[in-house]
Amino acid sequence: KLLTAKRDLRLARELKRLDRFECLALDDIGYVQQDRAEMEVLFTLLAERYERRSVMITSNLVFSQWDQIFKDPMTTAAAIDRVVHHAVVLEFPGPATEPSRPSDARR
């Protein structure tokens, strides 16, 4: 939605709408490769919320691998700086696991 808003020159309006939420959850960033426009919109979102609103982020990438998300070292460093400043970072080492599925009770 943010990418469409940027294309339609409505990104500022869409970011203002999201500003109503005290916290945004960004799940699995880095799971799917983004193009440059998507990376720029993500960075803009993080920069807009920096020191004003909360963002919860989950990722299978450690910070040293965030260059896979932001593609350029300067943007990567700036994004990480904004994310970790005033942050609580929870790290769960080990392999990712799929959530267990309930077994069929009729078996």
PDB file of N, CA and C in Angstrom:
ATOM      1  N   LYS A   1       0.818  -1.191   0.000  1.00  0.00           N
ATOM      2  CA  LYS A   1       0.000   0.000   0.000  1.00  0.00           C
ATOM      3  C   LYS A   1       0.869   1.264   0.000  1.00  0.00           C
ATOM      4  N   LEU A   2       1.970   1.235   0.754  1.00  0.00           N
ATOM      5  CA  LEU A   2       2.855   2.400   0.779  1.00  0.00           C
ATOM      6  C   LEU A   2       3.526   2.619  -0.572  1.00  0.00           C
ATOM      7  N   LEU A   3       3.864   1.540  -1.241  1.00  0.00           N
ATOM      8  CA  LEU A   3       4.494   1.657  -2.552  1.00  0.00           C
ATOM      9  C   LEU A   3       3.543   2.305  -3.562  1.00  0.00           C
ATOM     10  N   THR A   4       2.288   1.895  -3.518  1.00  0.00           N
ATOM     11  CA  THR A   4       1.271   2.499  -4.382  1.00  0.00           C
ATOM     12  C   THR A   4       1.089   3.975  -4.035  1.00  0.00           C
ATOM     13  N   ALA A   5       1.080   4.279  -2.745  1.00  0.00           N
ATOM     14  CA  ALA A   5       0.936   5.674  -2.315  1.00  0.00           C
ATOM     15  C   ALA A   5       2.107   6.518  -2.813  1.00  0.00           C
ATOM     16  N   LYS A   6       3.314   5.952  -2.777  1.00  0.00           N
ATOM     17  CA  LYS A   6       4.476   6.693  -3.280  1.00  0.00           C
ATOM     18  C   LYS A   6       4.323   6.954  -4.772  1.00  0.00           C
ATOM     19  N   ARG A   7       3.930   5.932  -5.510  1.00  0.00           N
ATOM     20  CA  ARG A   7       3.754   6.078  -6.957  1.00  0.00           C
ATOM     21  C   ARG A   7       2.709   7.147  -7.282  1.00  0.00           C
ATOM     22  N   ASP A   8       1.648   7.183  -6.464  1.00  0.00           N
ATOM     23  CA  ASP A   8       0.556   8.137  -6.686  1.00  0.00           C
ATOM     24  C   ASP A   8       0.779   9.480  -5.982  1.00  0.00           C
ATOM     25  N   LEU A   9       2.008   9.688  -5.477  1.00  0.00           N
ATOM     26  CA  LEU A   9       2.381  10.928  -4.784  1.00  0.00           C
ATOM     27  C   LEU A   9       1.505  11.200  -3.561  1.00  0.00           C
ATOM     28  N   ARG A  10       1.141  10.125  -2.861  1.00  0.00           N
ATOM     29  CA  ARG A  10       0.329  10.237  -1.647  1.00  0.00           C
ATOM     30  C   ARG A  10       1.046   9.634  -0.436  1.00  0.00           C
ATOM     31  N   LEU A  11       2.346   9.427  -0.542  1.00  0.00           N
ATOM     32  CA  LEU A  11       3.069   8.749   0.533  1.00  0.00           C
ATOM     33  C   LEU A  11       2.977   9.519   1.848  1.00  0.00           C
ATOM     34  N   ALA A  12       3.142  10.823   1.812  1.00  0.00           N
ATOM     35  CA  ALA A  12       3.066  11.623   3.049  1.00  0.00           C
ATOM     36  C   ALA A  12       1.710  11.454   3.715  1.00  0.00           C
ATOM     37  N   ARG A  13       0.653  11.430   2.939  1.00  0.00           N
ATOM     38  CA  ARG A  13      -0.696  11.262   3.490  1.00  0.00           C
ATOM     39  C   ARG A  13      -0.857   9.865   4.112  1.00  0.00           C
ATOM     40  N   GLU A  14      -0.323   8.848   3.444  1.00  0.00           N
ATOM     41  CA  GLU A  14      -0.445   7.483   3.966  1.00  0.00           C
ATOM     42  C   GLU A  14       0.380   7.313   5.242  1.00  0.00           C
ATOM     43  N   LEU A  15       1.563   7.905   5.286  1.00  0.00           N
ATOM     44  CA  LEU A  15       2.376   7.842   6.503  1.00  0.00           C
ATOM     45  C   LEU A  15       1.682   8.560   7.655  1.00  0.00           C
ATOM     46  N   LYS A  16       1.030   9.659   7.358  1.00  0.00           N
ATOM     47  CA  LYS A  16       0.281  10.377   8.394  1.00  0.00           C
ATOM     48  C   LYS A  16      -0.856   9.510   8.928  1.00  0.00           C
ATOM     49  N   ARG A  17      -1.517   8.764   8.045  1.00  0.00           N
ATOM     50  CA  ARG A  17      -2.590   7.860   8.477  1.00  0.00           C
ATOM     51  C   ARG A  17      -2.033   6.780   9.412  1.00  0.00           C
ATOM     52  N   LEU A  18      -0.872   6.239   9.074  1.00  0.00           N
ATOM     53  CA  LEU A  18      -0.254   5.215   9.919  1.00  0.00           C
ATOM     54  C   LEU A  18       0.240   5.787  11.243  1.00  0.00           C
ATOM     55  N   ASP A  19       0.466   7.081  11.286  1.00  0.00           N
ATOM     56  CA  ASP A  19       0.952   7.725  12.503  1.00  0.00           C
ATOM     57  C   ASP A  19      -0.077   7.684  13.631  1.00  0.00           C
ATOM     58  N   ARG A  20      -1.320   7.393  13.296  1.00  0.00           N
ATOM     59  CA  ARG A  20      -2.359   7.253  14.334  1.00  0.00           C
ATOM     60  C   ARG A  20      -2.089   6.049  15.232  1.00  0.00           C
ATOM     61  N   PHE A  21      -1.349   5.079  14.712  1.00  0.00           N
ATOM     62  CA  PHE A  21      -1.086   3.856  15.466  1.00  0.00           C
ATOM     63  C   PHE A  21       0.171   4.031  16.310  1.00  0.00           C
ATOM     64  N   GLU A  22       0.048   3.744  17.590  1.00  0.00           N
ATOM     65  CA  GLU A  22       1.180   3.865  18.503  1.00  0.00           C
ATOM     66  C   GLU A  22       2.313   2.915  18.116  1.00  0.00           C
ATOM     67  N   CYS A  23       1.952   1.737  17.600  1.00  0.00           N
ATOM     68  CA  CYS A  23       2.957   0.734  17.244  1.00  0.00           C
ATOM     69  C   CYS A  23       2.561   0.042  15.942  1.00  0.00           C
ATOM     70  N   LEU A  24       3.534  -0.144  15.059  1.00  0.00           N
ATOM     71  CA  LEU A  24       3.338  -0.933  13.844  1.00  0.00           C
ATOM     72  C   LEU A  24       4.159  -2.206  13.966  1.00  0.00           C
ATOM     73  N   ALA A  25       3.645  -3.303  13.445  1.00  0.00           N
ATOM     74  CA  ALA A  25       4.371  -4.571  13.427  1.00  0.00           C
ATOM     75  C   ALA A  25       4.759  -4.883  11.988  1.00  0.00           C
ATOM     76  N   LEU A  26       6.053  -5.040  11.759  1.00  0.00           N
ATOM     77  CA  LEU A  26       6.578  -5.420  10.450  1.00  0.00           C
ATOM     78  C   LEU A  26       7.119  -6.833  10.589  1.00  0.00           C
ATOM     79  N   ASP A  27       6.449  -7.775   9.997  1.00  0.00           N
ATOM     80  CA  ASP A  27       6.769  -9.188  10.192  1.00  0.00           C
ATOM     81  C   ASP A  27       7.604  -9.730   9.040  1.00  0.00           C
ATOM     82  N   ASP A  28       8.669 -10.434   9.391  1.00  0.00           N
ATOM     83  CA  ASP A  28       9.521 -11.134   8.424  1.00  0.00           C
ATOM     84  C   ASP A  28      10.159 -10.226   7.381  1.00  0.00           C
ATOM     85  N   ILE A  29      10.654  -9.056   7.791  1.00  0.00           N
ATOM     86  CA  ILE A  29      11.320  -8.237   6.776  1.00  0.00           C
ATOM     87  C   ILE A  29      12.590  -8.961   6.348  1.00  0.00           C
ATOM     88  N   GLY A  30      12.868  -8.891   5.076  1.00  0.00           N
ATOM     89  CA  GLY A  30      14.012  -9.596   4.520  1.00  0.00           C
ATOM     90  C   GLY A  30      13.688 -10.986   4.029  1.00  0.00           C
ATOM     91  N   TYR A  31      12.485 -11.474   4.320  1.00  0.00           N
ATOM     92  CA  TYR A  31      12.095 -12.817   3.882  1.00  0.00           C
ATOM     93  C   TYR A  31      11.951 -12.858   2.367  1.00  0.00           C
ATOM     94  N   VAL A  32      11.371 -11.810   1.810  1.00  0.00           N
ATOM     95  CA  VAL A  32      11.213 -11.685   0.361  1.00  0.00           C
ATOM     96  C   VAL A  32      12.084 -10.524  -0.093  1.00  0.00           C
ATOM     97  N   GLN A  33      12.829 -10.719  -1.153  1.00  0.00           N
ATOM     98  CA  GLN A  33      13.683  -9.654  -1.667  1.00  0.00           C
ATOM     99  C   GLN A  33      12.841  -8.483  -2.165  1.00  0.00           C
ATOM    100  N   GLN A  34      13.249  -7.287  -1.794  1.00  0.00           N
ATOM    101  CA  GLN A  34      12.553  -6.081  -2.227  1.00  0.00           C
ATOM    102  C   GLN A  34      13.349  -5.393  -3.324  1.00  0.00           C
ATOM    103  N   ASP A  35      12.636  -4.670  -4.176  1.00  0.00           N
ATOM    104  CA  ASP A  35      13.339  -3.844  -5.152  1.00  0.00           C
ATOM    105  C   ASP A  35      13.679  -2.501  -4.501  1.00  0.00           C
ATOM    106  N   ARG A  36      14.356  -1.660  -5.247  1.00  0.00           N
ATOM    107  CA  ARG A  36      14.829  -0.387  -4.687  1.00  0.00           C
ATOM    108  C   ARG A  36      13.680   0.491  -4.192  1.00  0.00           C
ATOM    109  N   ALA A  37      12.590   0.557  -4.926  1.00  0.00           N
ATOM    110  CA  ALA A  37      11.450   1.394  -4.519  1.00  0.00           C
ATOM    111  C   ALA A  37      10.860   0.900  -3.204  1.00  0.00           C
ATOM    112  N   GLU A  38      10.748  -0.414  -3.037  1.00  0.00           N
ATOM    113  CA  GLU A  38      10.216  -0.975  -1.785  1.00  0.00           C
ATOM    114  C   GLU A  38      11.151  -0.672  -0.629  1.00  0.00           C
ATOM    115  N   MET A  39      12.455  -0.791  -0.869  1.00  0.00           N
ATOM    116  CA  MET A  39      13.445  -0.492   0.164  1.00  0.00           C
ATOM    117  C   MET A  39      13.357   0.974   0.578  1.00  0.00           C
ATOM    118  N   GLU A  40      13.193   1.868  -0.386  1.00  0.00           N
ATOM    119  CA  GLU A  40      13.101   3.292  -0.070  1.00  0.00           C
ATOM    120  C   GLU A  40      11.857   3.608   0.759  1.00  0.00           C
ATOM    121  N   VAL A  41      10.750   2.959   0.443  1.00  0.00           N
ATOM    122  CA  VAL A  41       9.516   3.181   1.200  1.00  0.00           C
ATOM    123  C   VAL A  41       9.668   2.649   2.625  1.00  0.00           C
ATOM    124  N   LEU A  42      10.292   1.482   2.779  1.00  0.00           N
ATOM    125  CA  LEU A  42      10.523   0.930   4.115  1.00  0.00           C
ATOM    126  C   LEU A  42      11.406   1.867   4.929  1.00  0.00           C
ATOM    127  N   PHE A  43      12.477   2.360   4.321  1.00  0.00           N
ATOM    128  CA  PHE A  43      13.351   3.286   5.035  1.00  0.00           C
ATOM    129  C   PHE A  43      12.597   4.559   5.424  1.00  0.00           C
ATOM    130  N   THR A  44      11.790   5.076   4.518  1.00  0.00           N
ATOM    131  CA  THR A  44      11.003   6.282   4.806  1.00  0.00           C
ATOM    132  C   THR A  44      10.066   6.049   5.980  1.00  0.00           C
ATOM    133  N   LEU A  45       9.419   4.893   6.018  1.00  0.00           N
ATOM    134  CA  LEU A  45       8.532   4.552   7.133  1.00  0.00           C
ATOM    135  C   LEU A  45       9.307   4.537   8.450  1.00  0.00           C
ATOM    136  N   LEU A  46      10.464   3.864   8.465  1.00  0.00           N
ATOM    137  CA  LEU A  46      11.269   3.801   9.690  1.00  0.00           C
ATOM    138  C   LEU A  46      11.748   5.194  10.102  1.00  0.00           C
ATOM    139  N   ALA A  47      12.168   5.990   9.138  1.00  0.00           N
ATOM    140  CA  ALA A  47      12.653   7.338   9.443  1.00  0.00           C
ATOM    141  C   ALA A  47      11.531   8.225   9.983  1.00  0.00           C
ATOM    142  N   GLU A  48      10.338   8.102   9.425  1.00  0.00           N
ATOM    143  CA  GLU A  48       9.202   8.908   9.881  1.00  0.00           C
ATOM    144  C   GLU A  48       8.790   8.562  11.310  1.00  0.00           C
ATOM    145  N   ARG A  49       8.912   7.304  11.674  1.00  0.00           N
ATOM    146  CA  ARG A  49       8.481   6.879  13.009  1.00  0.00           C
ATOM    147  C   ARG A  49       9.589   7.016  14.050  1.00  0.00           C
ATOM    148  N   TYR A  50      10.807   7.247  13.616  1.00  0.00           N
ATOM    149  CA  TYR A  50      11.965   7.325  14.496  1.00  0.00           C
ATOM    150  C   TYR A  50      11.742   8.338  15.619  1.00  0.00           C
ATOM    151  N   GLU A  51      11.890   7.867  16.836  1.00  0.00           N
ATOM    152  CA  GLU A  51      11.760   8.637  18.078  1.00  0.00           C
ATOM    153  C   GLU A  51      10.366   9.231  18.291  1.00  0.00           C
ATOM    154  N   ARG A  52       9.379   8.779  17.543  1.00  0.00           N
ATOM    155  CA  ARG A  52       8.026   9.299  17.718  1.00  0.00           C
ATOM    156  C   ARG A  52       7.022   8.189  17.986  1.00  0.00           C
ATOM    157  N   ARG A  53       7.125   7.093  17.280  1.00  0.00           N
ATOM    158  CA  ARG A  53       6.193   5.980  17.404  1.00  0.00           C
ATOM    159  C   ARG A  53       6.988   4.683  17.401  1.00  0.00           C
ATOM    160  N   SER A  54       6.361   3.633  17.910  1.00  0.00           N
ATOM    161  CA  SER A  54       7.035   2.341  18.010  1.00  0.00           C
ATOM    162  C   SER A  54       6.849   1.501  16.752  1.00  0.00           C
ATOM    163  N   VAL A  55       7.865   0.682  16.498  1.00  0.00           N
ATOM    164  CA  VAL A  55       7.814  -0.292  15.412  1.00  0.00           C
ATOM    165  C   VAL A  55       8.363  -1.598  15.969  1.00  0.00           C
ATOM    166  N   MET A  56       7.609  -2.673  15.806  1.00  0.00           N
ATOM    167  CA  MET A  56       8.093  -4.013  16.158  1.00  0.00           C
ATOM    168  C   MET A  56       8.459  -4.700  14.852  1.00  0.00           C
ATOM    169  N   ILE A  57       9.661  -5.272  14.804  1.00  0.00           N
ATOM    170  CA  ILE A  57      10.142  -5.891  13.573  1.00  0.00           C
ATOM    171  C   ILE A  57      10.570  -7.316  13.869  1.00  0.00           C
ATOM    172  N   THR A  58      10.137  -8.241  13.018  1.00  0.00           N
ATOM    173  CA  THR A  58      10.684  -9.590  13.065  1.00  0.00           C
ATOM    174  C   THR A  58      11.423  -9.825  11.756  1.00  0.00           C
ATOM    175  N   SER A  59      12.520 -10.575  11.851  1.00  0.00           N
ATOM    176  CA  SER A  59      13.312 -10.884  10.668  1.00  0.00           C
ATOM    177  C   SER A  59      14.136 -12.127  10.942  1.00  0.00           C
ATOM    178  N   ASN A  60      14.378 -12.888   9.895  1.00  0.00           N
ATOM    179  CA  ASN A  60      15.288 -14.017  10.031  1.00  0.00           C
ATOM    180  C   ASN A  60      16.727 -13.580   9.757  1.00  0.00           C
ATOM    181  N   LEU A  61      16.922 -12.301   9.477  1.00  0.00           N
ATOM    182  CA  LEU A  61      18.251 -11.764   9.200  1.00  0.00           C
ATOM    183  C   LEU A  61      18.774 -11.006  10.411  1.00  0.00           C
ATOM    184  N   VAL A  62      20.032 -11.257  10.765  1.00  0.00           N
ATOM    185  CA  VAL A  62      20.679 -10.457  11.806  1.00  0.00           C
ATOM    186  C   VAL A  62      21.050  -9.111  11.186  1.00  0.00           C
ATOM    187  N   PHE A  63      21.341  -8.124  12.012  1.00  0.00           N
ATOM    188  CA  PHE A  63      21.615  -6.785  11.493  1.00  0.00           C
ATOM    189  C   PHE A  63      22.747  -6.773  10.467  1.00  0.00           C
ATOM    190  N   SER A  64      23.752  -7.627  10.652  1.00  0.00           N
ATOM    191  CA  SER A  64      24.868  -7.646   9.696  1.00  0.00           C
ATOM    192  C   SER A  64      24.441  -8.136   8.315  1.00  0.00           C
ATOM    193  N   GLN A  65      23.239  -8.676   8.200  1.00  0.00           N
ATOM    194  CA  GLN A  65      22.724  -9.134   6.902  1.00  0.00           C
ATOM    195  C   GLN A  65      21.675  -8.184   6.320  1.00  0.00           C
ATOM    196  N   TRP A  66      21.417  -7.073   6.986  1.00  0.00           N
ATOM    197  CA  TRP A  66      20.376  -6.152   6.504  1.00  0.00           C
ATOM    198  C   TRP A  66      20.746  -5.457   5.202  1.00  0.00           C
ATOM    199  N   ASP A  67      22.002  -5.592   4.761  1.00  0.00           N
ATOM    200  CA  ASP A  67      22.336  -5.064   3.438  1.00  0.00           C
ATOM    201  C   ASP A  67      21.578  -5.814   2.343  1.00  0.00           C
ATOM    202  N   GLN A  68      21.076  -7.013   2.666  1.00  0.00           N
ATOM    203  CA  GLN A  68      20.231  -7.753   1.721  1.00  0.00           C
ATOM    204  C   GLN A  68      18.869  -7.076   1.569  1.00  0.00           C
ATOM    205  N   ILE A  69      18.461  -6.325   2.567  1.00  0.00           N
ATOM    206  CA  ILE A  69      17.179  -5.616   2.516  1.00  0.00           C
ATOM    207  C   ILE A  69      17.360  -4.252   1.852  1.00  0.00           C
ATOM    208  N   PHE A  70      18.325  -3.467   2.353  1.00  0.00           N
ATOM    209  CA  PHE A  70      18.451  -2.069   1.938  1.00  0.00           C
ATOM    210  C   PHE A  70      19.424  -1.847   0.787  1.00  0.00           C
ATOM    211  N   LYS A  71      20.177  -2.838   0.433  1.00  0.00           N
ATOM    212  CA  LYS A  71      21.013  -2.852  -0.777  1.00  0.00           C
ATOM    213  C   LYS A  71      22.221  -1.917  -0.784  1.00  0.00           C
ATOM    214  N   ASP A  72      22.233  -0.884  -0.013  1.00  0.00           N
ATOM    215  CA  ASP A  72      23.412  -0.015  -0.017  1.00  0.00           C
ATOM    216  C   ASP A  72      23.845   0.252   1.419  1.00  0.00           C
ATOM    217  N   PRO A  73      25.173   0.284   1.638  1.00  0.00           N
ATOM    218  CA  PRO A  73      25.697   0.361   3.009  1.00  0.00           C
ATOM    219  C   PRO A  73      25.238   1.582   3.802  1.00  0.00           C
ATOM    220  N   MET A  74      25.134   2.736   3.165  1.00  0.00           N
ATOM    221  CA  MET A  74      24.732   3.953   3.885  1.00  0.00           C
ATOM    222  C   MET A  74      23.290   3.848   4.376  1.00  0.00           C
ATOM    223  N   THR A  75      22.398   3.391   3.517  1.00  0.00           N
ATOM    224  CA  THR A  75      20.993   3.255   3.905  1.00  0.00           C
ATOM    225  C   THR A  75      20.838   2.169   4.953  1.00  0.00           C
ATOM    226  N   THR A  76      21.591   1.077   4.794  1.00  0.00           N
ATOM    227  CA  THR A  76      21.539  -0.011   5.772  1.00  0.00           C
ATOM    228  C   THR A  76      21.948   0.496   7.151  1.00  0.00           C
ATOM    229  N   ALA A  77      23.069   1.205   7.222  1.00  0.00           N
ATOM    230  CA  ALA A  77      23.555   1.728   8.508  1.00  0.00           C
ATOM    231  C   ALA A  77      22.553   2.709   9.115  1.00  0.00           C
ATOM    232  N   ALA A  78      21.994   3.580   8.292  1.00  0.00           N
ATOM    233  CA  ALA A  78      21.022   4.558   8.797  1.00  0.00           C
ATOM    234  C   ALA A  78      19.761   3.866   9.307  1.00  0.00           C
ATOM    235  N   ALA A  79      19.297   2.846   8.598  1.00  0.00           N
ATOM    236  CA  ALA A  79      18.099   2.110   9.031  1.00  0.00           C
ATOM    237  C   ALA A  79      18.359   1.400  10.356  1.00  0.00           C
ATOM    238  N   ILE A  80      19.497   0.728  10.461  1.00  0.00           N
ATOM    239  CA  ILE A  80      19.829   0.018  11.702  1.00  0.00           C
ATOM    240  C   ILE A  80      19.947   1.009  12.859  1.00  0.00           C
ATOM    241  N   ASP A  81      20.595   2.141  12.631  1.00  0.00           N
ATOM    242  CA  ASP A  81      20.713   3.164  13.683  1.00  0.00           C
ATOM    243  C   ASP A  81      19.345   3.582  14.201  1.00  0.00           C
ATOM    244  N   ARG A  82      18.405   3.804  13.303  1.00  0.00           N
ATOM    245  CA  ARG A  82      17.068   4.237  13.714  1.00  0.00           C
ATOM    246  C   ARG A  82      16.315   3.130  14.440  1.00  0.00           C
ATOM    247  N   VAL A  83      16.528   1.901  14.008  1.00  0.00           N
ATOM    248  CA  VAL A  83      15.815   0.776  14.619  1.00  0.00           C
ATOM    249  C   VAL A  83      16.346   0.474  16.020  1.00  0.00           C
ATOM    250  N   VAL A  84      17.657   0.474  16.200  1.00  0.00           N
ATOM    251  CA  VAL A  84      18.203   0.037  17.489  1.00  0.00           C
ATOM    252  C   VAL A  84      18.273   1.142  18.542  1.00  0.00           C
ATOM    253  N   HIS A  85      18.222   2.401  18.127  1.00  0.00           N
ATOM    254  CA  HIS A  85      18.253   3.495  19.098  1.00  0.00           C
ATOM    255  C   HIS A  85      16.977   3.445  19.938  1.00  0.00           C
ATOM    256  N   HIS A  86      17.100   3.359  21.218  1.00  0.00           N
ATOM    257  CA  HIS A  86      15.979   3.228  22.160  1.00  0.00           C
ATOM    258  C   HIS A  86      15.262   1.879  22.025  1.00  0.00           C
ATOM    259  N   ALA A  87      15.898   0.887  21.436  1.00  0.00           N
ATOM    260  CA  ALA A  87      15.207  -0.385  21.159  1.00  0.00           C
ATOM    261  C   ALA A  87      15.493  -1.441  22.215  1.00  0.00           C
ATOM    262  N   VAL A  88      14.611  -2.383  22.268  1.00  0.00           N
ATOM    263  CA  VAL A  88      14.838  -3.634  22.977  1.00  0.00           C
ATOM    264  C   VAL A  88      14.951  -4.687  21.883  1.00  0.00           C
ATOM    265  N   VAL A  89      16.118  -5.303  21.778  1.00  0.00           N
ATOM    266  CA  VAL A  89      16.347  -6.298  20.737  1.00  0.00           C
ATOM    267  C   VAL A  89      16.278  -7.673  21.379  1.00  0.00           C
ATOM    268  N   LEU A  90      15.389  -8.493  20.886  1.00  0.00           N
ATOM    269  CA  LEU A  90      15.259  -9.872  21.348  1.00  0.00           C
ATOM    270  C   LEU A  90      15.790 -10.782  20.257  1.00  0.00           C
ATOM    271  N   GLU A  91      16.759 -11.606  20.604  1.00  0.00           N
ATOM    272  CA  GLU A  91      17.346 -12.508  19.624  1.00  0.00           C
ATOM    273  C   GLU A  91      17.038 -13.936  20.043  1.00  0.00           C
ATOM    274  N   PHE A  92      16.563 -14.714  19.105  1.00  0.00           N
ATOM    275  CA  PHE A  92      16.228 -16.108  19.350  1.00  0.00           C
ATOM    276  C   PHE A  92      17.110 -16.969  18.465  1.00  0.00           C
ATOM    277  N   PRO A  93      18.282 -17.373  18.972  1.00  0.00           N
ATOM    278  CA  PRO A  93      19.200 -18.151  18.143  1.00  0.00           C
ATOM    279  C   PRO A  93      18.660 -19.556  17.876  1.00  0.00           C
ATOM    280  N   GLY A  94      19.144 -20.121  16.813  1.00  0.00           N
ATOM    281  CA  GLY A  94      18.737 -21.478  16.463  1.00  0.00           C
ATOM    282  C   GLY A  94      17.886 -21.482  15.218  1.00  0.00           C
ATOM    283  N   PRO A  95      17.564 -22.668  14.755  1.00  0.00           N
ATOM    284  CA  PRO A  95      16.788 -22.769  13.515  1.00  0.00           C
ATOM    285  C   PRO A  95      15.354 -22.292  13.713  1.00  0.00           C
ATOM    286  N   ALA A  96      14.823 -21.684  12.676  1.00  0.00           N
ATOM    287  CA  ALA A  96      13.413 -21.278  12.702  1.00  0.00           C
ATOM    288  C   ALA A  96      12.557 -22.533  12.615  1.00  0.00           C
ATOM    289  N   THR A  97      11.467 -22.527  13.319  1.00  0.00           N
ATOM    290  CA  THR A  97      10.575 -23.688  13.276  1.00  0.00           C
ATOM    291  C   THR A  97       9.194 -23.252  12.855  1.00  0.00           C
ATOM    292  N   GLU A  98       8.521 -24.143  12.177  1.00  0.00           N
ATOM    293  CA  GLU A  98       7.136 -23.898  11.799  1.00  0.00           C
ATOM    294  C   GLU A  98       6.269 -24.077  13.034  1.00  0.00           C
ATOM    295  N   PRO A  99       5.214 -23.300  13.162  1.00  0.00           N
ATOM    296  CA  PRO A  99       4.307 -23.508  14.294  1.00  0.00           C
ATOM    297  C   PRO A  99       3.684 -24.897  14.209  1.00  0.00           C
ATOM    298  N   SER A 100       3.528 -25.510  15.356  1.00  0.00           N
ATOM    299  CA  SER A 100       2.930 -26.848  15.346  1.00  0.00           C
ATOM    300  C   SER A 100       1.460 -26.742  14.988  1.00  0.00           C
ATOM    301  N   ARG A 101       0.998 -27.735  14.276  1.00  0.00           N
ATOM    302  CA  ARG A 101      -0.403 -27.763  13.860  1.00  0.00           C
ATOM    303  C   ARG A 101      -1.157 -28.726  14.763  1.00  0.00           C
ATOM    304  N   PRO A 102      -2.367 -28.363  15.141  1.00  0.00           N
ATOM    305  CA  PRO A 102      -3.136 -29.277  15.990  1.00  0.00           C
ATOM    306  C   PRO A 102      -3.422 -30.569  15.231  1.00  0.00           C
ATOM    307  N   SER A 103      -3.307 -31.667  15.932  1.00  0.00           N
ATOM    308  CA  SER A 103      -3.588 -32.946  15.276  1.00  0.00           C
ATOM    309  C   SER A 103      -5.094 -33.105  15.109  1.00  0.00           C
ATOM    310  N   ASP A 104      -5.464 -33.866  14.135  1.00  0.00           N
ATOM    311  CA  ASP A 104      -6.883 -34.111  13.857  1.00  0.00           C
ATOM    312  C   ASP A 104      -7.433 -34.995  14.969  1.00  0.00           C
ATOM    313  N   ALA A 105      -8.389 -34.509  15.731  1.00  0.00           N
ATOM    314  CA  ALA A 105      -8.938 -35.228  16.897  1.00  0.00           C
ATOM    315  C   ALA A 105      -9.743 -36.450  16.490  1.00  0.00           C
ATOM    316  N   ARG A 106     -10.147 -36.533  15.229  1.00  0.00           N
ATOM    317  CA  ARG A 106     -10.975 -37.666  14.806  1.00  0.00           C
ATOM    318  C   ARG A 106     -10.152 -38.881  14.446  1.00  0.00           C
ATOM    319  N   ARG A 107      -8.892 -38.823  14.446  1.00  0.00           N
ATOM    320  CA  ARG A 107      -8.065 -39.985  14.067  1.00  0.00           C
ATOM    321  C   ARG A 107      -7.973 -40.972  15.176  1.00  0.00           C
TER     322      ARG A 107
END
